[in-house]
Amino acid sequence: MMTMADRQRQILADMGIDVWLLRDNTGAAGASVSAEVSKSAASGISTTATAKELERPADSDAVTALTLLQNEVKNCRLCDLSKSRTQTVFGTGTAQAELLLIGEAPGAEEDRQGKPFVGKAGKLLDAMLFAIGFDRSQVFICNVLKCRPPNNRDPKPEEVEACAPFLTAQIDTVKPKVILALGRFAAHRLLKTEAPVYKMREARNVLPGTDIPVVVTYHPASLLRNPEQKAQAWQDLCRVHQLLESPLI
């Protein structure tokens, strides 16, 4: 029978981290990631333990607030994306999440299903979450935009501004301990910067006007196109886990 540690090693292998390390295990980054993988797989991150440790009491007010907000999003007509969408993609997860993940915008499959991060990128995100002891029911996942831009084009400034109050309300309602920004666009929006992803990854970020740490990592779709980035993404996930255990940065 496969143990939890074995399962986590398999997840890391599926993410391509072990392959990357075999390809280049001489640099400092490789050594750092190798140490993190060994530590986490050996004892540091258990799905059962993490879920128990991070469990928060149910907050019926937060659940109600998210439900009302979701209805507002469903009926939103503030920008032209309301004319081309199949449906809105509000977000999924628990109102008591200590970890909030934020991406850019829904894609075609998300628009069809009404859920964020489905398809291949969603499966990779699920594996990334499992590797640090979570499943989707224990976090909250959403996007900056709640409607799909046609042909997956970049969001327009007026679309981002129209959706901004919804994202702010989601953050204020969930009150996460840590935010994980998935990709350049989400990180730029949250941190009010134009810095490249690699610089934002290396920085100790907080959401402006709050003390909530923001960890920046590569978007799962980018990881699928650029598997050499997966080792850096694992470092980011370890950072998230460390912050949740000790939120001081």
C-alpha atoms as a PDB file:
ATOM      1  CA  MET A   1       0.000   0.000   0.000  1.00  0.00           C
ATOM      2  CA  MET A   2       1.335   3.425  -0.980  1.00  0.00           C
ATOM      3  CA  THR A   3       2.100   5.632   2.031  1.00  0.00           C
ATOM      4  CA  MET A   4       1.393   9.363   2.136  1.00  0.00           C
ATOM      5  CA  ALA A   5       5.100  10.124   1.747  1.00  0.00           C
ATOM      6  CA  ASP A   6       5.254   7.815  -1.286  1.00  0.00           C
ATOM      7  CA  ARG A   7       2.197   9.547  -2.738  1.00  0.00           C
ATOM      8  CA  GLN A   8       3.784  12.954  -2.265  1.00  0.00           C
ATOM      9  CA  ARG A   9       7.012  11.792  -3.914  1.00  0.00           C
ATOM     10  CA  GLN A  10       4.911  10.564  -6.838  1.00  0.00           C
ATOM     11  CA  ILE A  11       3.161  13.935  -7.060  1.00  0.00           C
ATOM     12  CA  LEU A  12       6.526  15.700  -7.169  1.00  0.00           C
ATOM     13  CA  ALA A  13       7.716  13.300  -9.856  1.00  0.00           C
ATOM     14  CA  ASP A  14       4.537  13.936 -11.845  1.00  0.00           C
ATOM     15  CA  MET A  15       5.232  17.655 -11.608  1.00  0.00           C
ATOM     16  CA  GLY A  16       8.611  16.997 -13.225  1.00  0.00           C
ATOM     17  CA  ILE A  17      10.731  18.199 -10.327  1.00  0.00           C
ATOM     18  CA  ASP A  18      12.835  15.041  -9.992  1.00  0.00           C
ATOM     19  CA  VAL A  19      13.490  15.023 -13.725  1.00  0.00           C
ATOM     20  CA  TRP A  20      14.599  18.658 -13.580  1.00  0.00           C
ATOM     21  CA  LEU A  21      16.947  17.898 -10.702  1.00  0.00           C
ATOM     22  CA  LEU A  22      18.509  14.973 -12.544  1.00  0.00           C
ATOM     23  CA  ARG A  23      19.048  17.225 -15.523  1.00  0.00           C
ATOM     24  CA  ASP A  24      20.773  19.928 -13.468  1.00  0.00           C
ATOM     25  CA  ASN A  25      21.591  19.098  -9.863  1.00  0.00           C
ATOM     26  CA  THR A  26      24.810  21.058  -9.516  1.00  0.00           C
ATOM     27  CA  GLY A  27      23.487  24.574  -8.962  1.00  0.00           C
ATOM     28  CA  ALA A  28      22.426  26.197  -5.711  1.00  0.00           C
ATOM     29  CA  ALA A  29      18.784  26.256  -6.764  1.00  0.00           C
ATOM     30  CA  GLY A  30      18.856  22.553  -7.482  1.00  0.00           C
ATOM     31  CA  ALA A  31      20.414  21.788  -4.129  1.00  0.00           C
ATOM     32  CA  SER A  32      17.862  23.965  -2.348  1.00  0.00           C
ATOM     33  CA  VAL A  33      14.900  22.316  -4.032  1.00  0.00           C
ATOM     34  CA  SER A  34      16.352  18.860  -3.470  1.00  0.00           C
ATOM     35  CA  ALA A  35      16.614  19.566   0.246  1.00  0.00           C
ATOM     36  CA  GLU A  36      13.044  20.864   0.394  1.00  0.00           C
ATOM     37  CA  VAL A  37      11.724  17.822  -1.481  1.00  0.00           C
ATOM     38  CA  SER A  38      13.537  15.424   0.850  1.00  0.00           C
ATOM     39  CA  LYS A  39      12.388  17.262   3.986  1.00  0.00           C
ATOM     40  CA  SER A  40       8.767  17.528   2.906  1.00  0.00           C
ATOM     41  CA  ALA A  41       8.428  14.012   1.590  1.00  0.00           C
ATOM     42  CA  ALA A  42      10.078  12.589   4.686  1.00  0.00           C
ATOM     43  CA  SER A  43       8.058  14.308   7.392  1.00  0.00           C
ATOM     44  CA  GLY A  44       7.133  17.933   6.868  1.00  0.00           C
ATOM     45  CA  ILE A  45       3.899  17.898   4.891  1.00  0.00           C
ATOM     46  CA  SER A  46       1.097  15.476   5.564  1.00  0.00           C
ATOM     47  CA  THR A  47      -2.303  15.982   3.990  1.00  0.00           C
ATOM     48  CA  THR A  48      -4.163  14.700   7.029  1.00  0.00           C
ATOM     49  CA  ALA A  49      -2.053  16.602   9.543  1.00  0.00           C
ATOM     50  CA  THR A  50      -2.145  19.840   7.576  1.00  0.00           C
ATOM     51  CA  ALA A  51      -5.897  19.747   7.123  1.00  0.00           C
ATOM     52  CA  LYS A  52      -6.384  19.223  10.853  1.00  0.00           C
ATOM     53  CA  GLU A  53      -3.904  21.901  11.848  1.00  0.00           C
ATOM     54  CA  LEU A  54      -5.303  24.522   9.463  1.00  0.00           C
ATOM     55  CA  GLU A  55      -8.987  23.883  10.149  1.00  0.00           C
ATOM     56  CA  ARG A  56     -10.913  26.985  11.206  1.00  0.00           C
ATOM     57  CA  PRO A  57     -14.345  27.256  12.840  1.00  0.00           C
ATOM     58  CA  ALA A  58     -17.270  27.626  10.457  1.00  0.00           C
ATOM     59  CA  ASP A  59     -18.308  31.239   9.880  1.00  0.00           C
ATOM     60  CA  SER A  60     -21.903  31.367   8.669  1.00  0.00           C
ATOM     61  CA  ASP A  61     -21.631  35.111   8.005  1.00  0.00           C
ATOM     62  CA  ALA A  62     -18.711  34.555   5.620  1.00  0.00           C
ATOM     63  CA  VAL A  63     -20.570  31.765   3.820  1.00  0.00           C
ATOM     64  CA  THR A  64     -23.637  33.982   3.452  1.00  0.00           C
ATOM     65  CA  ALA A  65     -21.536  36.922   2.263  1.00  0.00           C
ATOM     66  CA  LEU A  66     -19.847  34.808  -0.420  1.00  0.00           C
ATOM     67  CA  THR A  67     -23.207  33.444  -1.574  1.00  0.00           C
ATOM     68  CA  LEU A  68     -24.638  36.950  -1.928  1.00  0.00           C
ATOM     69  CA  LEU A  69     -21.503  38.117  -3.690  1.00  0.00           C
ATOM     70  CA  GLN A  70     -21.659  35.178  -6.098  1.00  0.00           C
ATOM     71  CA  ASN A  71     -25.205  36.188  -7.032  1.00  0.00           C
ATOM     72  CA  GLU A  72     -24.007  39.734  -7.691  1.00  0.00           C
ATOM     73  CA  VAL A  73     -21.269  38.429  -9.962  1.00  0.00           C
ATOM     74  CA  LYS A  74     -23.743  36.166 -11.773  1.00  0.00           C
ATOM     75  CA  ASN A  75     -25.921  39.168 -12.614  1.00  0.00           C
ATOM     76  CA  CYS A  76     -23.066  41.571 -13.378  1.00  0.00           C
ATOM     77  CA  ARG A  77     -23.294  43.604 -16.596  1.00  0.00           C
ATOM     78  CA  LEU A  78     -20.595  46.160 -15.823  1.00  0.00           C
ATOM     79  CA  CYS A  79     -18.453  45.379 -18.872  1.00  0.00           C
ATOM     80  CA  ASP A  80     -18.807  43.842 -22.333  1.00  0.00           C
ATOM     81  CA  LEU A  81     -17.581  40.439 -21.169  1.00  0.00           C
ATOM     82  CA  SER A  82     -21.117  39.844 -19.918  1.00  0.00           C
ATOM     83  CA  LYS A  83     -22.202  39.678 -23.562  1.00  0.00           C
ATOM     84  CA  SER A  84     -19.779  36.958 -24.630  1.00  0.00           C
ATOM     85  CA  ARG A  85     -19.539  34.729 -21.558  1.00  0.00           C
ATOM     86  CA  THR A  86     -21.310  31.412 -21.203  1.00  0.00           C
ATOM     87  CA  GLN A  87     -21.423  31.907 -17.450  1.00  0.00           C
ATOM     88  CA  THR A  88     -19.507  33.668 -14.707  1.00  0.00           C
ATOM     89  CA  VAL A  89     -16.700  31.928 -12.834  1.00  0.00           C
ATOM     90  CA  PHE A  90     -16.918  33.187  -9.269  1.00  0.00           C
ATOM     91  CA  GLY A  91     -14.541  30.813  -7.523  1.00  0.00           C
ATOM     92  CA  THR A  92     -14.598  27.618  -5.496  1.00  0.00           C
ATOM     93  CA  GLY A  93     -13.592  26.465  -2.045  1.00  0.00           C
ATOM     94  CA  THR A  94     -14.305  27.294   1.565  1.00  0.00           C
ATOM     95  CA  ALA A  95     -15.133  30.664   3.058  1.00  0.00           C
ATOM     96  CA  GLN A  96     -12.800  29.757   5.937  1.00  0.00           C
ATOM     97  CA  ALA A  97      -9.752  29.184   3.727  1.00  0.00           C
ATOM     98  CA  GLU A  98      -6.379  30.153   5.141  1.00  0.00           C
ATOM     99  CA  LEU A  99      -4.934  29.966   1.624  1.00  0.00           C
ATOM    100  CA  LEU A 100      -6.419  32.011  -1.227  1.00  0.00           C
ATOM    101  CA  LEU A 101      -5.221  31.338  -4.784  1.00  0.00           C
ATOM    102  CA  ILE A 102      -5.786  33.998  -7.442  1.00  0.00           C
ATOM    103  CA  GLY A 103      -5.278  33.593 -11.181  1.00  0.00           C
ATOM    104  CA  GLU A 104      -5.893  35.798 -14.206  1.00  0.00           C
ATOM    105  CA  ALA A 105      -9.187  34.948 -15.902  1.00  0.00           C
ATOM    106  CA  PRO A 106     -11.327  31.974 -16.908  1.00  0.00           C
ATOM    107  CA  GLY A 107     -10.448  30.037 -20.063  1.00  0.00           C
ATOM    108  CA  ALA A 108     -12.772  28.226 -22.437  1.00  0.00           C
ATOM    109  CA  GLU A 109     -13.285  25.163 -20.238  1.00  0.00           C
ATOM    110  CA  GLU A 110     -13.757  27.296 -17.131  1.00  0.00           C
ATOM    111  CA  ASP A 111     -16.371  29.317 -19.011  1.00  0.00           C
ATOM    112  CA  ARG A 112     -18.205  26.089 -19.880  1.00  0.00           C
ATOM    113  CA  GLN A 113     -18.056  24.563 -16.392  1.00  0.00           C
ATOM    114  CA  GLY A 114     -18.296  27.717 -14.284  1.00  0.00           C
ATOM    115  CA  LYS A 115     -15.298  26.636 -12.174  1.00  0.00           C
ATOM    116  CA  PRO A 116     -11.752  28.046 -12.045  1.00  0.00           C
ATOM    117  CA  PHE A 117      -8.710  26.034 -13.065  1.00  0.00           C
ATOM    118  CA  VAL A 118     -10.088  22.957 -14.786  1.00  0.00           C
ATOM    119  CA  GLY A 119      -8.513  20.915 -17.565  1.00  0.00           C
ATOM    120  CA  LYS A 120      -4.786  20.172 -17.642  1.00  0.00           C
ATOM    121  CA  ALA A 121      -3.806  23.323 -15.764  1.00  0.00           C
ATOM    122  CA  GLY A 122      -6.376  22.518 -13.108  1.00  0.00           C
ATOM    123  CA  LYS A 123      -5.067  18.989 -12.666  1.00  0.00           C
ATOM    124  CA  LEU A 124      -1.562  20.340 -12.220  1.00  0.00           C
ATOM    125  CA  LEU A 125      -2.834  22.864  -9.671  1.00  0.00           C
ATOM    126  CA  ASP A 126      -4.549  20.042  -7.782  1.00  0.00           C
ATOM    127  CA  ALA A 127      -1.231  18.159  -7.687  1.00  0.00           C
ATOM    128  CA  MET A 128       0.573  21.273  -6.468  1.00  0.00           C
ATOM    129  CA  LEU A 129      -1.946  21.722  -3.662  1.00  0.00           C
ATOM    130  CA  PHE A 130      -1.752  18.058  -2.688  1.00  0.00           C
ATOM    131  CA  ALA A 131       2.025  18.294  -2.473  1.00  0.00           C
ATOM    132  CA  ILE A 132       1.664  20.760   0.429  1.00  0.00           C
ATOM    133  CA  GLY A 133      -1.220  18.960   2.084  1.00  0.00           C
ATOM    134  CA  PHE A 134      -4.361  20.546   0.604  1.00  0.00           C
ATOM    135  CA  ASP A 135      -7.232  19.745  -1.654  1.00  0.00           C
ATOM    136  CA  ARG A 136      -9.632  22.246  -3.216  1.00  0.00           C
ATOM    137  CA  SER A 137     -12.153  21.963  -0.407  1.00  0.00           C
ATOM    138  CA  GLN A 138      -9.606  23.446   2.018  1.00  0.00           C
ATOM    139  CA  VAL A 139      -8.636  26.543   0.012  1.00  0.00           C
ATOM    140  CA  PHE A 140     -10.403  29.209  -2.041  1.00  0.00           C
ATOM    141  CA  ILE A 141      -9.551  29.627  -5.728  1.00  0.00           C
ATOM    142  CA  CYS A 142     -10.633  32.524  -7.920  1.00  0.00           C
ATOM    143  CA  ASN A 143      -9.468  34.835 -10.705  1.00  0.00           C
ATOM    144  CA  VAL A 144      -9.019  38.567 -11.125  1.00  0.00           C
ATOM    145  CA  LEU A 145     -11.700  38.452 -13.845  1.00  0.00           C
ATOM    146  CA  LYS A 146     -14.917  36.526 -13.343  1.00  0.00           C
ATOM    147  CA  CYS A 147     -15.722  36.228 -17.064  1.00  0.00           C
ATOM    148  CA  ARG A 148     -13.683  34.812 -19.917  1.00  0.00           C
ATOM    149  CA  PRO A 149     -12.111  37.305 -22.345  1.00  0.00           C
ATOM    150  CA  PRO A 150     -12.911  36.182 -25.910  1.00  0.00           C
ATOM    151  CA  ASN A 151     -10.228  33.926 -27.393  1.00  0.00           C
ATOM    152  CA  ASN A 152      -8.385  34.120 -24.066  1.00  0.00           C
ATOM    153  CA  ARG A 153      -7.012  37.556 -24.933  1.00  0.00           C
ATOM    154  CA  ASP A 154      -5.413  39.719 -22.255  1.00  0.00           C
ATOM    155  CA  PRO A 155      -7.911  41.450 -19.966  1.00  0.00           C
ATOM    156  CA  LYS A 156      -8.601  45.090 -20.741  1.00  0.00           C
ATOM    157  CA  PRO A 157      -8.076  47.725 -18.028  1.00  0.00           C
ATOM    158  CA  GLU A 158     -11.777  48.580 -17.908  1.00  0.00           C
ATOM    159  CA  GLU A 159     -12.634  44.896 -17.426  1.00  0.00           C
ATOM    160  CA  VAL A 160     -10.178  44.595 -14.556  1.00  0.00           C
ATOM    161  CA  GLU A 161     -11.578  47.730 -12.922  1.00  0.00           C
ATOM    162  CA  ALA A 162     -15.148  46.461 -13.279  1.00  0.00           C
ATOM    163  CA  CYS A 163     -14.231  43.213 -11.507  1.00  0.00           C
ATOM    164  CA  ALA A 164     -11.975  44.815  -8.878  1.00  0.00           C
ATOM    165  CA  PRO A 165     -14.690  45.290  -6.210  1.00  0.00           C
ATOM    166  CA  PHE A 166     -15.626  41.608  -6.468  1.00  0.00           C
ATOM    167  CA  LEU A 167     -12.051  40.448  -5.936  1.00  0.00           C
ATOM    168  CA  THR A 168     -11.594  42.855  -3.035  1.00  0.00           C
ATOM    169  CA  ALA A 169     -14.811  41.579  -1.456  1.00  0.00           C
ATOM    170  CA  GLN A 170     -13.650  37.970  -1.839  1.00  0.00           C
ATOM    171  CA  ILE A 171     -10.373  38.744  -0.084  1.00  0.00           C
ATOM    172  CA  ASP A 172     -12.125  40.711   2.682  1.00  0.00           C
ATOM    173  CA  THR A 173     -14.662  37.924   3.230  1.00  0.00           C
ATOM    174  CA  VAL A 174     -12.308  34.951   3.213  1.00  0.00           C
ATOM    175  CA  LYS A 175      -9.622  36.766   5.233  1.00  0.00           C
ATOM    176  CA  PRO A 176      -6.825  34.397   4.174  1.00  0.00           C
ATOM    177  CA  LYS A 177      -3.559  34.088   6.042  1.00  0.00           C
ATOM    178  CA  VAL A 178      -1.668  33.769   2.751  1.00  0.00           C
ATOM    179  CA  ILE A 179      -2.422  34.622  -0.881  1.00  0.00           C
ATOM    180  CA  LEU A 180      -0.787  32.667  -3.704  1.00  0.00           C
ATOM    181  CA  ALA A 181      -0.709  34.743  -6.904  1.00  0.00           C
ATOM    182  CA  LEU A 182      -0.720  32.428  -9.909  1.00  0.00           C
ATOM    183  CA  GLY A 183       1.114  34.155 -12.730  1.00  0.00           C
ATOM    184  CA  ARG A 184       2.285  37.596 -13.771  1.00  0.00           C
ATOM    185  CA  PHE A 185      -1.110  39.191 -14.361  1.00  0.00           C
ATOM    186  CA  ALA A 186      -2.586  38.314 -10.975  1.00  0.00           C
ATOM    187  CA  ALA A 187       0.604  39.339  -9.188  1.00  0.00           C
ATOM    188  CA  HIS A 188       0.743  42.685 -10.988  1.00  0.00           C
ATOM    189  CA  ARG A 189      -2.863  43.390 -10.100  1.00  0.00           C
ATOM    190  CA  LEU A 190      -2.501  42.439  -6.449  1.00  0.00           C
ATOM    191  CA  LEU A 191       0.857  44.090  -5.782  1.00  0.00           C
ATOM    192  CA  LYS A 192       0.417  47.167  -8.003  1.00  0.00           C
ATOM    193  CA  THR A 193       3.719  46.571  -9.763  1.00  0.00           C
ATOM    194  CA  GLU A 194       5.094  45.747 -13.197  1.00  0.00           C
ATOM    195  CA  ALA A 195       8.029  43.718 -11.907  1.00  0.00           C
ATOM    196  CA  PRO A 196       8.844  40.429 -13.660  1.00  0.00           C
ATOM    197  CA  VAL A 197       7.698  37.201 -12.028  1.00  0.00           C
ATOM    198  CA  TYR A 198      11.199  36.129 -11.010  1.00  0.00           C
ATOM    199  CA  LYS A 199      11.681  39.329  -8.984  1.00  0.00           C
ATOM    200  CA  MET A 200       8.264  39.100  -7.362  1.00  0.00           C
ATOM    201  CA  ARG A 201       8.984  35.476  -6.456  1.00  0.00           C
ATOM    202  CA  GLU A 202      12.155  36.481  -4.647  1.00  0.00           C
ATOM    203  CA  ALA A 203      10.541  39.364  -2.739  1.00  0.00           C
ATOM    204  CA  ARG A 204       8.670  39.231   0.541  1.00  0.00           C
ATOM    205  CA  ASN A 205       5.385  40.708  -0.614  1.00  0.00           C
ATOM    206  CA  VAL A 206       2.315  41.798   1.288  1.00  0.00           C
ATOM    207  CA  LEU A 207      -1.046  42.827  -0.112  1.00  0.00           C
ATOM    208  CA  PRO A 208      -1.124  46.650  -0.094  1.00  0.00           C
ATOM    209  CA  GLY A 209      -3.078  48.023   2.849  1.00  0.00           C
ATOM    210  CA  THR A 210      -2.937  44.706   4.740  1.00  0.00           C
ATOM    211  CA  ASP A 211      -0.449  42.417   6.421  1.00  0.00           C
ATOM    212  CA  ILE A 212      -1.397  39.406   4.257  1.00  0.00           C
ATOM    213  CA  PRO A 213       1.691  37.782   2.683  1.00  0.00           C
ATOM    214  CA  VAL A 214       1.485  37.320  -1.093  1.00  0.00           C
ATOM    215  CA  VAL A 215       3.585  34.539  -2.584  1.00  0.00           C
ATOM    216  CA  VAL A 216       4.054  34.822  -6.342  1.00  0.00           C
ATOM    217  CA  THR A 217       4.531  31.747  -8.513  1.00  0.00           C
ATOM    218  CA  TYR A 218       4.137  30.701 -12.128  1.00  0.00           C
ATOM    219  CA  HIS A 219       0.691  30.057 -13.549  1.00  0.00           C
ATOM    220  CA  PRO A 220      -0.030  26.315 -13.968  1.00  0.00           C
ATOM    221  CA  ALA A 221      -0.542  26.862 -17.699  1.00  0.00           C
ATOM    222  CA  SER A 222       2.941  28.378 -17.869  1.00  0.00           C
ATOM    223  CA  LEU A 223       4.346  25.380 -15.993  1.00  0.00           C
ATOM    224  CA  LEU A 224       2.830  23.069 -18.586  1.00  0.00           C
ATOM    225  CA  ARG A 225       4.583  25.030 -21.347  1.00  0.00           C
ATOM    226  CA  ASN A 226       7.815  25.493 -19.390  1.00  0.00           C
ATOM    227  CA  PRO A 227       8.421  22.437 -17.186  1.00  0.00           C
ATOM    228  CA  GLU A 228      11.835  23.780 -16.186  1.00  0.00           C
ATOM    229  CA  GLN A 229       9.949  26.277 -13.977  1.00  0.00           C
ATOM    230  CA  LYS A 230       8.403  23.538 -11.834  1.00  0.00           C
ATOM    231  CA  ALA A 231      11.320  23.364  -9.429  1.00  0.00           C
ATOM    232  CA  GLN A 232      10.957  27.089  -8.704  1.00  0.00           C
ATOM    233  CA  ALA A 233       7.212  26.577  -8.267  1.00  0.00           C
ATOM    234  CA  TRP A 234       7.936  23.911  -5.653  1.00  0.00           C
ATOM    235  CA  GLN A 235      10.079  26.427  -3.757  1.00  0.00           C
ATOM    236  CA  ASP A 236       7.125  28.829  -3.818  1.00  0.00           C
ATOM    237  CA  LEU A 237       4.782  26.144  -2.497  1.00  0.00           C
ATOM    238  CA  CYS A 238       7.187  25.385   0.342  1.00  0.00           C
ATOM    239  CA  ARG A 239       7.188  29.107   1.147  1.00  0.00           C
ATOM    240  CA  VAL A 240       3.379  29.053   1.331  1.00  0.00           C
ATOM    241  CA  HIS A 241       3.486  26.107   3.714  1.00  0.00           C
ATOM    242  CA  GLN A 242       6.063  27.823   5.911  1.00  0.00           C
ATOM    243  CA  LEU A 243       3.992  31.015   6.082  1.00  0.00           C
ATOM    244  CA  LEU A 244       0.864  29.109   7.069  1.00  0.00           C
ATOM    245  CA  GLU A 245       2.764  27.457   9.894  1.00  0.00           C
ATOM    246  CA  SER A 246       4.327  30.781  10.934  1.00  0.00           C
ATOM    247  CA  PRO A 247       2.684  33.700   9.108  1.00  0.00           C
ATOM    248  CA  LEU A 248       5.334  36.227  10.066  1.00  0.00           C
ATOM    249  CA  ILE A 249       7.527  37.242   7.104  1.00  0.00           C
END
